[in-house]
Amino acid sequence: MLTRHSRRGLEVLEAAATLPLMLFLLTAIANLGFVVYAQQAVQNAANYGARMGSTAQDCRSCVAAGAAWSSIRQTGLQNAGVDVLAPGGVVGSTLKIRVSAQVPNLLGPLAALLGGSLGDPFQVSAEATFRAEGW
């Protein structure tokens, strides 16, 4: 029969065994949430930039890149970048924008404590294509 003292020791042992796993799982879930948020943010920035550029009358690629930059800056993502893949110069031509960013990997430091290596940040990117409008 277990005494009160041995039960308390068993409870501490169970907590010590499950706490690192629970912290790892909670961190993984939070990290997944950050990646999903970042993917949506870069997609929205690409769509916004391409749409603004497609309706501009002068320097469509300049307007598109500026709008995408202003949109992605508001999200607070690290190492964001905007690339104009197709400038959409004349009415009816294609304007294509790529927005990319990095999401810090929260599992890196935790995995290092456990002896693993997961330290690289996650890369997210999105592209949007619109036809240049004119009137």
N, C-alpha and C. Protein backbone atom coordinates (compact mmCIF):
# COMPACT_ATOMS: atom_id res chain seq x y z
N MET A 1 0.83 -1.17 0.00
CA MET A 1 0.00 0.00 0.00
C MET A 1 0.89 1.24 0.00
N LEU A 2 0.49 2.24 -0.84
CA LEU A 2 1.28 3.46 -0.94
C LEU A 2 0.98 4.38 0.24
N THR A 3 2.02 4.92 0.79
CA THR A 3 1.83 5.88 1.86
C THR A 3 1.62 7.26 1.27
N ARG A 4 1.25 8.18 2.11
CA ARG A 4 1.01 9.55 1.66
C ARG A 4 2.27 10.16 1.07
N HIS A 5 3.39 9.88 1.67
CA HIS A 5 4.67 10.42 1.21
C HIS A 5 5.04 9.85 -0.17
N SER A 6 4.82 8.56 -0.38
CA SER A 6 5.17 7.96 -1.67
C SER A 6 4.22 8.42 -2.77
N ARG A 7 2.95 8.70 -2.43
CA ARG A 7 2.02 9.23 -3.43
C ARG A 7 2.45 10.61 -3.89
N ARG A 8 2.87 11.43 -2.97
CA ARG A 8 3.32 12.78 -3.32
C ARG A 8 4.55 12.71 -4.22
N GLY A 9 5.44 11.81 -3.93
CA GLY A 9 6.62 11.63 -4.77
C GLY A 9 6.25 11.14 -6.17
N LEU A 10 5.26 10.27 -6.25
CA LEU A 10 4.79 9.76 -7.53
C LEU A 10 4.15 10.89 -8.34
N GLU A 11 3.40 11.76 -7.68
CA GLU A 11 2.78 12.89 -8.36
C GLU A 11 3.83 13.84 -8.91
N VAL A 12 4.86 14.09 -8.15
CA VAL A 12 5.95 14.97 -8.61
C VAL A 12 6.67 14.33 -9.79
N LEU A 13 6.89 13.04 -9.73
CA LEU A 13 7.55 12.33 -10.82
C LEU A 13 6.70 12.39 -12.10
N GLU A 14 5.39 12.20 -11.99
CA GLU A 14 4.51 12.27 -13.15
C GLU A 14 4.50 13.68 -13.75
N ALA A 15 4.47 14.68 -12.89
CA ALA A 15 4.49 16.07 -13.37
C ALA A 15 5.81 16.38 -14.07
N ALA A 16 6.90 15.90 -13.51
CA ALA A 16 8.21 16.14 -14.13
C ALA A 16 8.33 15.43 -15.47
N ALA A 17 7.65 14.31 -15.62
CA ALA A 17 7.73 13.57 -16.88
C ALA A 17 6.82 14.18 -17.96
N THR A 18 5.68 14.71 -17.57
CA THR A 18 4.73 15.22 -18.57
C THR A 18 4.88 16.70 -18.86
N LEU A 19 5.44 17.48 -17.98
CA LEU A 19 5.55 18.92 -18.18
C LEU A 19 6.35 19.30 -19.43
N PRO A 20 7.51 18.72 -19.69
CA PRO A 20 8.23 19.08 -20.93
C PRO A 20 7.44 18.75 -22.20
N LEU A 21 6.76 17.62 -22.20
CA LEU A 21 5.96 17.26 -23.36
C LEU A 21 4.80 18.24 -23.56
N MET A 22 4.16 18.63 -22.50
CA MET A 22 3.05 19.59 -22.60
C MET A 22 3.55 20.95 -23.07
N LEU A 23 4.70 21.39 -22.56
CA LEU A 23 5.27 22.67 -23.01
C LEU A 23 5.62 22.61 -24.49
N PHE A 24 6.17 21.49 -24.93
CA PHE A 24 6.51 21.32 -26.34
C PHE A 24 5.27 21.37 -27.21
N LEU A 25 4.21 20.69 -26.80
CA LEU A 25 2.97 20.69 -27.57
C LEU A 25 2.32 22.07 -27.61
N LEU A 26 2.29 22.77 -26.50
CA LEU A 26 1.72 24.11 -26.47
C LEU A 26 2.51 25.08 -27.34
N THR A 27 3.83 24.96 -27.31
CA THR A 27 4.67 25.80 -28.15
C THR A 27 4.46 25.48 -29.62
N ALA A 28 4.32 24.21 -29.94
CA ALA A 28 4.09 23.80 -31.34
C ALA A 28 2.76 24.35 -31.84
N ILE A 29 1.72 24.33 -31.01
CA ILE A 29 0.42 24.86 -31.40
C ILE A 29 0.50 26.37 -31.60
N ALA A 30 1.18 27.07 -30.70
CA ALA A 30 1.35 28.52 -30.85
C ALA A 30 2.15 28.84 -32.10
N ASN A 31 3.18 28.07 -32.37
CA ASN A 31 4.00 28.28 -33.56
C ASN A 31 3.19 28.06 -34.83
N LEU A 32 2.36 27.05 -34.84
CA LEU A 32 1.49 26.80 -35.99
C LEU A 32 0.54 27.98 -36.20
N GLY A 33 0.02 28.52 -35.11
CA GLY A 33 -0.84 29.70 -35.22
C GLY A 33 -0.11 30.89 -35.82
N PHE A 34 1.14 31.11 -35.43
CA PHE A 34 1.93 32.21 -35.99
C PHE A 34 2.17 32.00 -37.48
N VAL A 35 2.44 30.77 -37.89
CA VAL A 35 2.69 30.49 -39.30
C VAL A 35 1.43 30.72 -40.13
N VAL A 36 0.29 30.28 -39.63
CA VAL A 36 -0.97 30.48 -40.34
C VAL A 36 -1.29 31.98 -40.45
N TYR A 37 -1.08 32.72 -39.35
CA TYR A 37 -1.29 34.16 -39.38
C TYR A 37 -0.37 34.82 -40.41
N ALA A 38 0.89 34.44 -40.42
CA ALA A 38 1.85 35.04 -41.35
C ALA A 38 1.48 34.72 -42.80
N GLN A 39 1.04 33.49 -43.06
CA GLN A 39 0.65 33.13 -44.42
C GLN A 39 -0.54 33.98 -44.88
N GLN A 40 -1.50 34.18 -44.01
CA GLN A 40 -2.65 35.02 -44.36
C GLN A 40 -2.22 36.48 -44.54
N ALA A 41 -1.30 36.94 -43.73
CA ALA A 41 -0.84 38.33 -43.83
C ALA A 41 -0.11 38.59 -45.14
N VAL A 42 0.77 37.67 -45.55
CA VAL A 42 1.48 37.89 -46.81
C VAL A 42 0.54 37.74 -48.01
N GLN A 43 -0.45 36.86 -47.91
CA GLN A 43 -1.42 36.72 -49.00
C GLN A 43 -2.26 38.00 -49.13
N ASN A 44 -2.69 38.53 -48.00
CA ASN A 44 -3.46 39.78 -48.04
C ASN A 44 -2.63 40.94 -48.58
N ALA A 45 -1.36 41.01 -48.18
CA ALA A 45 -0.49 42.09 -48.66
C ALA A 45 -0.26 41.96 -50.17
N ALA A 46 -0.07 40.74 -50.66
CA ALA A 46 0.13 40.54 -52.10
C ALA A 46 -1.13 40.91 -52.87
N ASN A 47 -2.29 40.49 -52.38
CA ASN A 47 -3.55 40.85 -53.05
C ASN A 47 -3.78 42.36 -53.05
N TYR A 48 -3.53 42.98 -51.91
CA TYR A 48 -3.73 44.42 -51.81
C TYR A 48 -2.79 45.17 -52.75
N GLY A 49 -1.53 44.79 -52.75
CA GLY A 49 -0.55 45.46 -53.61
C GLY A 49 -0.88 45.28 -55.08
N ALA A 50 -1.22 44.06 -55.49
CA ALA A 50 -1.54 43.82 -56.90
C ALA A 50 -2.81 44.55 -57.31
N ARG A 51 -3.77 44.61 -56.43
CA ARG A 51 -5.02 45.32 -56.76
C ARG A 51 -4.76 46.81 -56.89
N MET A 52 -4.01 47.39 -55.97
CA MET A 52 -3.73 48.83 -56.05
C MET A 52 -2.90 49.14 -57.30
N GLY A 53 -1.96 48.28 -57.61
CA GLY A 53 -1.15 48.49 -58.81
C GLY A 53 -1.95 48.34 -60.09
N SER A 54 -2.91 47.44 -60.10
CA SER A 54 -3.69 47.23 -61.32
C SER A 54 -4.62 48.39 -61.63
N THR A 55 -4.98 49.16 -60.63
CA THR A 55 -5.87 50.29 -60.86
C THR A 55 -5.11 51.61 -61.02
N ALA A 56 -3.81 51.60 -60.80
CA ALA A 56 -3.01 52.82 -60.93
C ALA A 56 -2.87 53.20 -62.40
N GLN A 57 -2.71 54.48 -62.65
CA GLN A 57 -2.57 54.94 -64.04
C GLN A 57 -1.10 55.11 -64.43
N ASP A 58 -0.24 55.42 -63.47
CA ASP A 58 1.19 55.60 -63.74
C ASP A 58 1.99 54.68 -62.84
N CYS A 59 3.04 54.13 -63.38
CA CYS A 59 3.99 53.27 -62.65
C CYS A 59 3.26 52.24 -61.78
N ARG A 60 2.60 51.33 -62.44
CA ARG A 60 1.80 50.32 -61.75
C ARG A 60 2.63 49.49 -60.78
N SER A 61 3.83 49.13 -61.19
CA SER A 61 4.67 48.31 -60.32
C SER A 61 5.11 49.08 -59.08
N CYS A 62 5.34 50.39 -59.21
CA CYS A 62 5.72 51.21 -58.06
C CYS A 62 4.58 51.28 -57.04
N VAL A 63 3.38 51.51 -57.55
CA VAL A 63 2.21 51.59 -56.67
C VAL A 63 1.96 50.25 -56.00
N ALA A 64 2.08 49.17 -56.78
CA ALA A 64 1.85 47.83 -56.24
C ALA A 64 2.84 47.49 -55.13
N ALA A 65 4.12 47.74 -55.39
CA ALA A 65 5.15 47.44 -54.38
C ALA A 65 4.96 48.30 -53.14
N GLY A 66 4.65 49.57 -53.32
CA GLY A 66 4.43 50.45 -52.17
C GLY A 66 3.24 50.02 -51.34
N ALA A 67 2.15 49.65 -51.99
CA ALA A 67 0.96 49.21 -51.25
C ALA A 67 1.22 47.90 -50.52
N ALA A 68 1.92 46.98 -51.15
CA ALA A 68 2.24 45.71 -50.50
C ALA A 68 3.17 45.94 -49.30
N TRP A 69 4.15 46.83 -49.46
CA TRP A 69 5.06 47.14 -48.35
C TRP A 69 4.30 47.74 -47.18
N SER A 70 3.41 48.70 -47.46
CA SER A 70 2.69 49.33 -46.36
C SER A 70 1.78 48.32 -45.66
N SER A 71 1.23 47.40 -46.40
CA SER A 71 0.36 46.39 -45.80
C SER A 71 1.15 45.39 -44.96
N ILE A 72 2.29 44.94 -45.45
CA ILE A 72 3.06 43.92 -44.72
C ILE A 72 3.78 44.53 -43.51
N ARG A 73 4.13 45.81 -43.57
CA ARG A 73 4.78 46.46 -42.43
C ARG A 73 3.88 46.50 -41.21
N GLN A 74 2.58 46.60 -41.42
CA GLN A 74 1.64 46.68 -40.31
C GLN A 74 1.51 45.37 -39.54
N THR A 75 1.96 44.28 -40.11
CA THR A 75 1.82 42.97 -39.46
C THR A 75 2.92 42.68 -38.46
N GLY A 76 4.08 43.34 -38.59
CA GLY A 76 5.19 43.09 -37.69
C GLY A 76 6.00 41.85 -38.01
N LEU A 77 5.85 41.31 -39.21
CA LEU A 77 6.62 40.13 -39.59
C LEU A 77 8.07 40.51 -39.87
N GLN A 78 8.97 39.56 -39.65
CA GLN A 78 10.40 39.80 -39.82
C GLN A 78 10.84 39.53 -41.25
N ASN A 79 11.86 40.26 -41.67
CA ASN A 79 12.51 40.06 -42.97
C ASN A 79 11.51 39.95 -44.12
N ALA A 80 10.57 40.86 -44.14
CA ALA A 80 9.57 40.86 -45.21
C ALA A 80 10.20 41.36 -46.50
N GLY A 81 9.70 40.87 -47.61
CA GLY A 81 10.18 41.30 -48.90
C GLY A 81 9.05 41.34 -49.91
N VAL A 82 9.15 42.28 -50.85
CA VAL A 82 8.16 42.43 -51.91
C VAL A 82 8.90 42.38 -53.23
N ASP A 83 8.46 41.52 -54.13
CA ASP A 83 9.05 41.41 -55.46
C ASP A 83 7.95 41.63 -56.50
N VAL A 84 8.28 42.42 -57.51
CA VAL A 84 7.38 42.60 -58.65
C VAL A 84 7.82 41.61 -59.71
N LEU A 85 6.99 40.62 -59.99
CA LEU A 85 7.35 39.58 -60.94
C LEU A 85 6.95 39.94 -62.37
N ALA A 86 5.87 40.70 -62.53
CA ALA A 86 5.44 41.18 -63.84
C ALA A 86 4.91 42.59 -63.64
N PRO A 87 5.44 43.59 -64.37
CA PRO A 87 5.15 44.98 -64.06
C PRO A 87 3.78 45.48 -64.48
N GLY A 88 3.08 44.82 -65.38
CA GLY A 88 1.76 45.28 -65.79
C GLY A 88 1.78 46.65 -66.42
N GLY A 89 2.63 46.86 -67.40
CA GLY A 89 2.85 48.18 -67.98
C GLY A 89 1.68 48.78 -68.73
N VAL A 90 1.02 48.02 -69.58
CA VAL A 90 -0.07 48.57 -70.40
C VAL A 90 -1.39 47.94 -69.97
N VAL A 91 -2.47 48.57 -70.37
CA VAL A 91 -3.80 48.09 -70.02
C VAL A 91 -3.99 46.67 -70.56
N GLY A 92 -4.46 45.79 -69.69
CA GLY A 92 -4.67 44.39 -70.06
C GLY A 92 -3.51 43.47 -69.78
N SER A 93 -2.34 44.03 -69.49
CA SER A 93 -1.19 43.18 -69.19
C SER A 93 -1.26 42.68 -67.74
N THR A 94 -0.42 41.73 -67.42
CA THR A 94 -0.44 41.09 -66.11
C THR A 94 0.48 41.82 -65.13
N LEU A 95 -0.03 42.05 -63.95
CA LEU A 95 0.75 42.60 -62.83
C LEU A 95 0.81 41.50 -61.78
N LYS A 96 2.03 41.08 -61.44
CA LYS A 96 2.19 39.97 -60.50
C LYS A 96 3.15 40.39 -59.39
N ILE A 97 2.72 40.16 -58.14
CA ILE A 97 3.48 40.56 -56.95
C ILE A 97 3.72 39.33 -56.08
N ARG A 98 4.92 39.24 -55.51
CA ARG A 98 5.22 38.21 -54.52
C ARG A 98 5.64 38.90 -53.22
N VAL A 99 5.01 38.49 -52.14
CA VAL A 99 5.36 39.00 -50.81
C VAL A 99 5.82 37.81 -49.97
N SER A 100 6.94 37.98 -49.28
CA SER A 100 7.48 36.90 -48.45
C SER A 100 7.90 37.46 -47.10
N ALA A 101 7.99 36.58 -46.12
CA ALA A 101 8.40 36.98 -44.77
C ALA A 101 8.89 35.75 -44.02
N GLN A 102 9.48 36.00 -42.87
CA GLN A 102 9.95 34.92 -42.00
C GLN A 102 9.17 34.94 -40.70
N VAL A 103 8.92 33.74 -40.19
CA VAL A 103 8.26 33.58 -38.90
C VAL A 103 9.27 32.91 -37.98
N PRO A 104 9.54 33.52 -36.81
CA PRO A 104 10.51 32.88 -35.91
C PRO A 104 10.01 31.51 -35.45
N ASN A 105 10.92 30.59 -35.33
CA ASN A 105 10.60 29.24 -34.90
C ASN A 105 10.74 29.16 -33.39
N LEU A 106 9.61 29.08 -32.71
CA LEU A 106 9.63 29.01 -31.25
C LEU A 106 10.12 27.66 -30.74
N LEU A 107 10.07 26.65 -31.60
CA LEU A 107 10.49 25.31 -31.19
C LEU A 107 12.01 25.16 -31.17
N GLY A 108 12.72 26.06 -31.83
CA GLY A 108 14.18 25.97 -31.90
C GLY A 108 14.86 25.93 -30.55
N PRO A 109 14.66 26.94 -29.70
CA PRO A 109 15.32 26.91 -28.39
C PRO A 109 14.85 25.75 -27.51
N LEU A 110 13.56 25.42 -27.62
CA LEU A 110 13.04 24.31 -26.82
C LEU A 110 13.60 22.97 -27.29
N ALA A 111 13.71 22.80 -28.61
CA ALA A 111 14.28 21.56 -29.14
C ALA A 111 15.76 21.46 -28.81
N ALA A 112 16.46 22.60 -28.75
CA ALA A 112 17.88 22.57 -28.38
C ALA A 112 18.05 22.07 -26.94
N LEU A 113 17.12 22.41 -26.08
CA LEU A 113 17.18 21.91 -24.70
C LEU A 113 16.99 20.40 -24.66
N LEU A 114 16.18 19.90 -25.59
CA LEU A 114 15.92 18.47 -25.63
C LEU A 114 16.91 17.71 -26.49
N GLY A 115 17.88 18.42 -27.10
CA GLY A 115 18.91 17.77 -27.88
C GLY A 115 18.62 17.69 -29.37
N GLY A 116 17.59 18.39 -29.85
CA GLY A 116 17.25 18.36 -31.26
C GLY A 116 17.70 19.62 -31.97
N SER A 117 17.39 19.71 -33.25
CA SER A 117 17.73 20.91 -34.01
C SER A 117 16.57 21.27 -34.93
N LEU A 118 15.81 22.25 -34.54
CA LEU A 118 14.68 22.76 -35.33
C LEU A 118 14.76 24.28 -35.40
N GLY A 119 15.92 24.85 -35.44
CA GLY A 119 16.08 26.28 -35.23
C GLY A 119 15.80 27.21 -36.39
N ASP A 120 15.65 26.72 -37.63
CA ASP A 120 15.47 27.62 -38.76
C ASP A 120 14.09 28.27 -38.72
N PRO A 121 14.03 29.57 -39.05
CA PRO A 121 12.72 30.22 -39.11
C PRO A 121 11.90 29.69 -40.29
N PHE A 122 10.61 29.83 -40.20
CA PHE A 122 9.72 29.40 -41.27
C PHE A 122 9.61 30.50 -42.31
N GLN A 123 9.65 30.12 -43.58
CA GLN A 123 9.49 31.06 -44.69
C GLN A 123 8.06 30.96 -45.20
N VAL A 124 7.39 32.09 -45.33
CA VAL A 124 6.06 32.12 -45.93
C VAL A 124 6.08 33.10 -47.09
N SER A 125 5.37 32.78 -48.14
CA SER A 125 5.29 33.69 -49.28
C SER A 125 3.97 33.47 -50.00
N ALA A 126 3.56 34.50 -50.73
CA ALA A 126 2.32 34.43 -51.50
C ALA A 126 2.47 35.31 -52.73
N GLU A 127 1.76 34.93 -53.78
CA GLU A 127 1.76 35.70 -55.02
C GLU A 127 0.33 36.08 -55.36
N ALA A 128 0.19 37.22 -56.02
CA ALA A 128 -1.11 37.66 -56.50
C ALA A 128 -0.94 38.23 -57.90
N THR A 129 -1.90 37.93 -58.75
CA THR A 129 -1.86 38.38 -60.14
C THR A 129 -3.16 39.11 -60.47
N PHE A 130 -3.03 40.29 -61.05
CA PHE A 130 -4.18 41.07 -61.51
C PHE A 130 -3.89 41.56 -62.92
N ARG A 131 -4.90 41.85 -63.66
CA ARG A 131 -4.78 42.48 -64.98
C ARG A 131 -4.78 43.99 -64.79
N ALA A 132 -3.91 44.67 -65.49
CA ALA A 132 -3.85 46.13 -65.41
C ALA A 132 -5.11 46.72 -66.03
N GLU A 133 -5.78 47.55 -65.26
CA GLU A 133 -7.02 48.19 -65.72
C GLU A 133 -6.70 49.57 -66.26
N GLY A 134 -7.59 50.08 -67.04
CA GLY A 134 -7.39 51.43 -67.56
C GLY A 134 -8.69 52.00 -68.09
N TRP A 135 -8.72 53.31 -68.18
CA TRP A 135 -9.89 53.98 -68.74
C TRP A 135 -9.49 55.24 -69.44
